[in-house]
């Protein structure tokens, strides 16, 4: 295989998430589930109507769109230009999208910041902390935040090491592995006589890791749920790790 035909994007984070192949592979994501989760979490948080909400790492905006429909002012941000281009087709006076790095603070403050569907942990742990500090800066005092992450213990038990998925007549070969630091997914396929290789790598974080991050901020964990129905978190069996946190007023 020649170097010209082999695209190794291991160290180029956004090339995979911004590629057309990423959207082809994940075209079957459950929009109904996203809608139900948004409705539940918004109802639970009891945010007042017209609250300003930031959807950090919004992708194509499926959560942002549903949040706005419930009566909120939403800004969705993501590094993927292609995703934001698609999301912008749904813009209106209360729903906007912007290409922006979630580790860089925005001007203005929000009543709530959401980071949903494992859109966290794709860099090193120093970057993780930068992102959480940015969430703090983006929040008003007493503002609410939500991080929806995988439950690493459940992932370890249920890991499918090898899988083939066919999307748009493309056969995606997927290999997964976990070590102490990362959950890694290697994705390879052939399209138009070219071989492609991509990698997704997310930090293998548990609840204690998040508690450590939050201990270095002015954010406090208020609640932890284990699935999209907001059932209690169980570190061994829950499919998700959903953390609700709040910004305190700094002590002077």
Protein backbone atom coordinates (compact mmCIF):
# COMPACT_ATOMS: atom_id res chain seq x y z
CA UNK A 1 0.00 0.00 0.00
CA UNK A 2 1.49 3.34 -1.03
CA UNK A 3 1.79 6.34 1.27
CA UNK A 4 -0.38 8.31 -1.16
CA UNK A 5 -3.29 5.91 -0.83
CA UNK A 6 -2.93 5.33 2.91
CA UNK A 7 -4.31 8.23 4.94
CA UNK A 8 -3.07 7.91 8.50
CA UNK A 9 -4.93 10.51 10.53
CA UNK A 10 -3.99 9.25 13.97
CA UNK A 11 -2.68 12.59 15.20
CA UNK A 12 -5.03 14.86 13.27
CA UNK A 13 -8.09 14.95 15.51
CA UNK A 14 -10.41 17.01 13.39
CA UNK A 15 -9.74 15.35 10.02
CA UNK A 16 -11.76 12.28 11.04
CA UNK A 17 -14.59 14.10 12.81
CA UNK A 18 -14.84 16.58 9.94
CA UNK A 19 -14.73 13.97 7.18
CA UNK A 20 -17.68 12.72 5.14
CA UNK A 21 -16.79 9.16 6.20
CA UNK A 22 -17.41 9.97 9.87
CA UNK A 23 -20.95 11.06 9.00
CA UNK A 24 -21.50 7.98 6.82
CA UNK A 25 -20.39 5.60 9.59
CA UNK A 26 -22.60 7.23 12.20
CA UNK A 27 -25.59 8.08 10.02
CA UNK A 28 -27.87 5.77 12.03
CA UNK A 29 -27.60 7.62 15.33
CA UNK A 30 -30.87 7.64 17.25
CA UNK A 31 -32.45 11.10 16.93
CA UNK A 32 -35.54 9.97 18.84
CA UNK A 33 -33.38 8.94 21.79
CA UNK A 34 -31.62 12.31 21.68
CA UNK A 35 -35.00 14.08 21.72
CA UNK A 36 -36.27 12.06 24.68
CA UNK A 37 -33.07 12.61 26.65
CA UNK A 38 -33.13 16.36 26.04
CA UNK A 39 -36.75 16.53 27.18
CA UNK A 40 -35.96 14.59 30.36
CA UNK A 41 -32.82 16.50 31.31
CA UNK A 42 -34.38 19.91 30.61
CA UNK A 43 -37.43 18.99 32.68
CA UNK A 44 -35.23 17.73 35.51
CA UNK A 45 -33.04 20.85 35.58
CA UNK A 46 -36.09 23.16 35.61
CA UNK A 47 -34.34 25.84 33.60
CA UNK A 48 -36.46 28.93 33.05
CA UNK A 49 -37.67 29.58 29.51
CA UNK A 50 -35.41 31.71 27.32
CA UNK A 51 -32.36 30.57 29.31
CA UNK A 52 -29.14 30.80 27.30
CA UNK A 53 -27.74 27.32 26.72
CA UNK A 54 -24.39 26.34 25.20
CA UNK A 55 -24.18 22.96 23.46
CA UNK A 56 -20.42 22.34 23.50
CA UNK A 57 -19.29 19.87 20.79
CA UNK A 58 -22.73 19.91 19.18
CA UNK A 59 -21.90 17.95 16.02
CA UNK A 60 -24.68 18.44 13.47
CA UNK A 61 -26.87 19.96 16.17
CA UNK A 62 -29.34 17.19 16.95
CA UNK A 63 -29.44 18.05 20.67
CA UNK A 64 -29.29 21.82 20.10
CA UNK A 65 -32.30 21.67 17.79
CA UNK A 66 -34.41 19.80 20.35
CA UNK A 67 -33.36 22.13 23.19
CA UNK A 68 -34.39 25.20 21.20
CA UNK A 69 -37.77 23.65 20.42
CA UNK A 70 -38.44 23.53 24.16
CA UNK A 71 -38.20 27.31 24.38
CA UNK A 72 -34.53 28.06 24.96
CA UNK A 73 -31.89 30.26 23.37
CA UNK A 74 -29.16 27.91 22.13
CA UNK A 75 -25.66 28.26 20.73
CA UNK A 76 -24.05 25.09 19.38
CA UNK A 77 -20.28 24.99 18.89
CA UNK A 78 -18.04 22.39 17.29
CA UNK A 79 -14.65 22.21 15.59
CA UNK A 80 -16.07 20.30 12.62
CA UNK A 81 -16.74 22.76 9.81
CA UNK A 82 -18.80 20.18 7.93
CA UNK A 83 -20.98 19.45 10.95
CA UNK A 84 -21.59 23.14 11.61
CA UNK A 85 -22.39 23.73 7.95
CA UNK A 86 -25.12 21.09 8.21
CA UNK A 87 -26.32 22.40 11.58
CA UNK A 88 -26.62 25.97 10.27
CA UNK A 89 -29.45 24.90 7.98
CA UNK A 90 -31.60 24.77 11.13
CA UNK A 91 -30.69 28.21 12.48
CA UNK A 92 -33.30 30.71 13.61
CA UNK A 93 -33.46 33.69 15.97
CA UNK A 94 -33.01 31.45 19.03
CA UNK A 95 -30.68 28.83 17.55
CA UNK A 96 -27.19 29.59 16.25
CA UNK A 97 -24.14 27.50 15.39
CA UNK A 98 -20.47 28.40 15.37
CA UNK A 99 -17.18 26.68 14.50
CA UNK A 100 -15.34 27.00 17.80
CA UNK A 101 -12.96 25.08 20.07
CA UNK A 102 -14.75 24.01 23.27
CA UNK A 103 -11.54 24.64 25.27
CA UNK A 104 -11.61 28.36 24.38
CA UNK A 105 -13.99 30.59 26.40
CA UNK A 106 -16.70 32.52 24.59
CA UNK A 107 -17.76 36.10 25.18
CA UNK A 108 -20.78 36.25 27.43
CA UNK A 109 -22.08 33.74 29.96
CA UNK A 110 -24.66 30.99 29.77
CA UNK A 111 -27.30 29.66 32.15
CA UNK A 112 -26.35 26.10 31.21
CA UNK A 113 -23.59 24.27 29.34
CA UNK A 114 -24.18 20.82 27.84
CA UNK A 115 -21.54 18.38 26.59
CA UNK A 116 -23.43 15.33 25.35
CA UNK A 117 -22.95 11.91 23.78
CA UNK A 118 -19.30 11.33 24.74
CA UNK A 119 -18.01 14.56 23.23
CA UNK A 120 -15.29 14.81 25.86
CA UNK A 121 -11.91 13.24 26.51
CA UNK A 122 -10.51 13.14 22.97
CA UNK A 123 -7.24 14.83 23.90
CA UNK A 124 -4.90 14.42 26.86
CA UNK A 125 -5.99 14.92 30.47
CA UNK A 126 -4.46 18.39 30.61
CA UNK A 127 -6.80 19.34 27.77
CA UNK A 128 -9.73 17.71 29.61
CA UNK A 129 -9.14 20.06 32.52
CA UNK A 130 -8.85 23.06 30.18
CA UNK A 131 -12.25 22.19 28.73
CA UNK A 132 -13.88 21.93 32.16
CA UNK A 133 -12.28 25.23 33.24
CA UNK A 134 -13.70 26.77 30.05
CA UNK A 135 -17.14 25.40 30.92
CA UNK A 136 -16.80 27.17 34.26
CA UNK A 137 -15.86 30.44 32.55
CA UNK A 138 -18.78 30.12 30.14
CA UNK A 139 -21.28 29.70 33.00
CA UNK A 140 -23.02 32.36 35.03
CA UNK A 141 -22.72 32.05 38.80
CA UNK A 142 -24.96 29.15 39.87
CA UNK A 143 -25.18 28.08 36.22
CA UNK A 144 -25.74 24.39 35.50
CA UNK A 145 -23.64 22.02 33.42
CA UNK A 146 -24.13 18.50 32.05
CA UNK A 147 -21.46 16.07 30.86
CA UNK A 148 -22.77 12.87 29.24
CA UNK A 149 -19.93 10.36 29.06
CA UNK A 150 -19.49 6.61 28.68
CA UNK A 151 -19.27 4.39 31.76
CA UNK A 152 -15.79 2.96 31.37
CA UNK A 153 -16.45 -0.10 33.58
CA UNK A 154 -19.44 -1.12 31.48
CA UNK A 155 -17.48 -0.50 28.27
CA UNK A 156 -14.72 -2.78 29.48
CA UNK A 157 -17.20 -5.60 30.13
CA UNK A 158 -19.13 -5.23 26.88
CA UNK A 159 -16.29 -4.36 24.50
CA UNK A 160 -16.70 -5.72 20.97
CA UNK A 161 -13.09 -6.04 19.84
CA UNK A 162 -13.76 -6.62 16.14
CA UNK A 163 -16.75 -5.51 14.10
CA UNK A 164 -17.69 -4.92 10.47
CA UNK A 165 -20.31 -2.31 9.61
CA UNK A 166 -21.53 -1.63 6.08
CA UNK A 167 -22.72 1.89 5.35
CA UNK A 168 -23.39 3.26 1.84
CA UNK A 169 -21.73 0.13 0.40
CA UNK A 170 -18.55 0.90 2.35
CA UNK A 171 -17.31 -1.89 4.61
CA UNK A 172 -15.92 -0.33 7.78
CA UNK A 173 -13.56 -2.63 9.71
CA UNK A 174 -13.54 -1.58 13.34
CA UNK A 175 -11.09 -2.78 15.99
CA UNK A 176 -11.45 -1.68 19.61
CA UNK A 177 -9.11 -1.95 22.56
CA UNK A 178 -8.82 -0.55 26.07
CA UNK A 179 -5.80 0.06 28.23
CA UNK A 180 -5.51 1.97 31.48
CA UNK A 181 -5.53 5.32 29.75
CA UNK A 182 -7.59 5.13 26.54
CA UNK A 183 -10.47 3.52 24.72
CA UNK A 184 -9.25 3.22 21.13
CA UNK A 185 -11.23 2.52 17.98
CA UNK A 186 -9.30 1.84 14.77
CA UNK A 187 -11.42 2.28 11.66
CA UNK A 188 -10.22 1.10 8.25
CA UNK A 189 -11.94 0.73 4.88
CA UNK A 190 -11.51 0.85 1.13
CA UNK A 191 -13.34 3.40 -0.98
CA UNK A 192 -12.80 4.23 -4.64
CA UNK A 193 -9.70 1.98 -4.69
CA UNK A 194 -8.06 3.83 -1.80
CA UNK A 195 -7.33 2.49 1.65
CA UNK A 196 -8.21 4.71 4.61
CA UNK A 197 -7.29 4.40 8.26
CA UNK A 198 -8.67 6.55 11.07
CA UNK A 199 -8.48 6.38 14.82
CA UNK A 200 -10.78 7.54 17.61
CA UNK A 201 -9.20 7.66 21.02
CA UNK A 202 -11.01 8.76 24.17
CA UNK A 203 -9.63 8.95 27.69
CA UNK A 204 -10.74 6.03 29.87
CA UNK A 205 -12.28 8.23 32.57
CA UNK A 206 -14.30 7.12 35.56
CA UNK A 207 -16.30 9.15 38.07
CA UNK A 208 -13.26 9.62 40.33
CA UNK A 209 -11.34 11.14 37.41
CA UNK A 210 -14.11 13.67 36.89
CA UNK A 211 -14.21 14.43 40.62
CA UNK A 212 -10.49 15.16 40.44
CA UNK A 213 -11.02 17.54 37.51
CA UNK A 214 -13.84 19.36 39.30
CA UNK A 215 -11.76 19.69 42.47
CA UNK A 216 -9.51 22.07 40.53
CA UNK A 217 -12.40 24.34 39.55
CA UNK A 218 -15.21 26.32 41.10
CA UNK A 219 -17.70 23.68 39.96
CA UNK A 220 -19.44 21.16 42.18
CA UNK A 221 -21.05 17.86 41.20
CA UNK A 222 -24.73 17.93 42.14
CA UNK A 223 -26.07 14.64 40.73
CA UNK A 224 -24.90 11.61 38.76
CA UNK A 225 -27.15 9.49 36.52
CA UNK A 226 -26.47 6.22 34.72
CA UNK A 227 -28.62 6.34 31.59
CA UNK A 228 -30.80 8.54 29.40
CA UNK A 229 -33.84 7.77 31.54
CA UNK A 230 -31.98 9.42 34.46
CA UNK A 231 -31.76 6.29 36.57
CA UNK A 232 -29.27 6.18 39.43
CA UNK A 233 -25.64 5.63 38.39
CA UNK A 234 -24.16 2.19 39.04
CA UNK A 235 -20.44 2.06 38.34
CA UNK A 236 -20.59 -1.56 37.12
CA UNK A 237 -23.83 -1.78 35.15
CA UNK A 238 -24.91 1.70 34.00
CA UNK A 239 -24.43 2.35 30.27
CA UNK A 240 -23.70 6.05 30.77
CA UNK A 241 -22.04 8.43 33.23
CA UNK A 242 -24.12 11.62 33.26
CA UNK A 243 -22.80 14.32 35.57
CA UNK A 244 -24.83 17.37 36.61
CA UNK A 245 -22.68 20.17 38.03
CA UNK A 246 -23.08 23.77 39.15
CA UNK A 247 -20.91 26.86 39.30
CA UNK A 248 -20.43 28.36 42.73
CA UNK A 249 -19.83 32.04 43.44
CA UNK A 250 -16.07 32.42 44.00
CA UNK A 251 -15.01 32.98 47.59
CA UNK A 252 -13.21 36.31 47.90
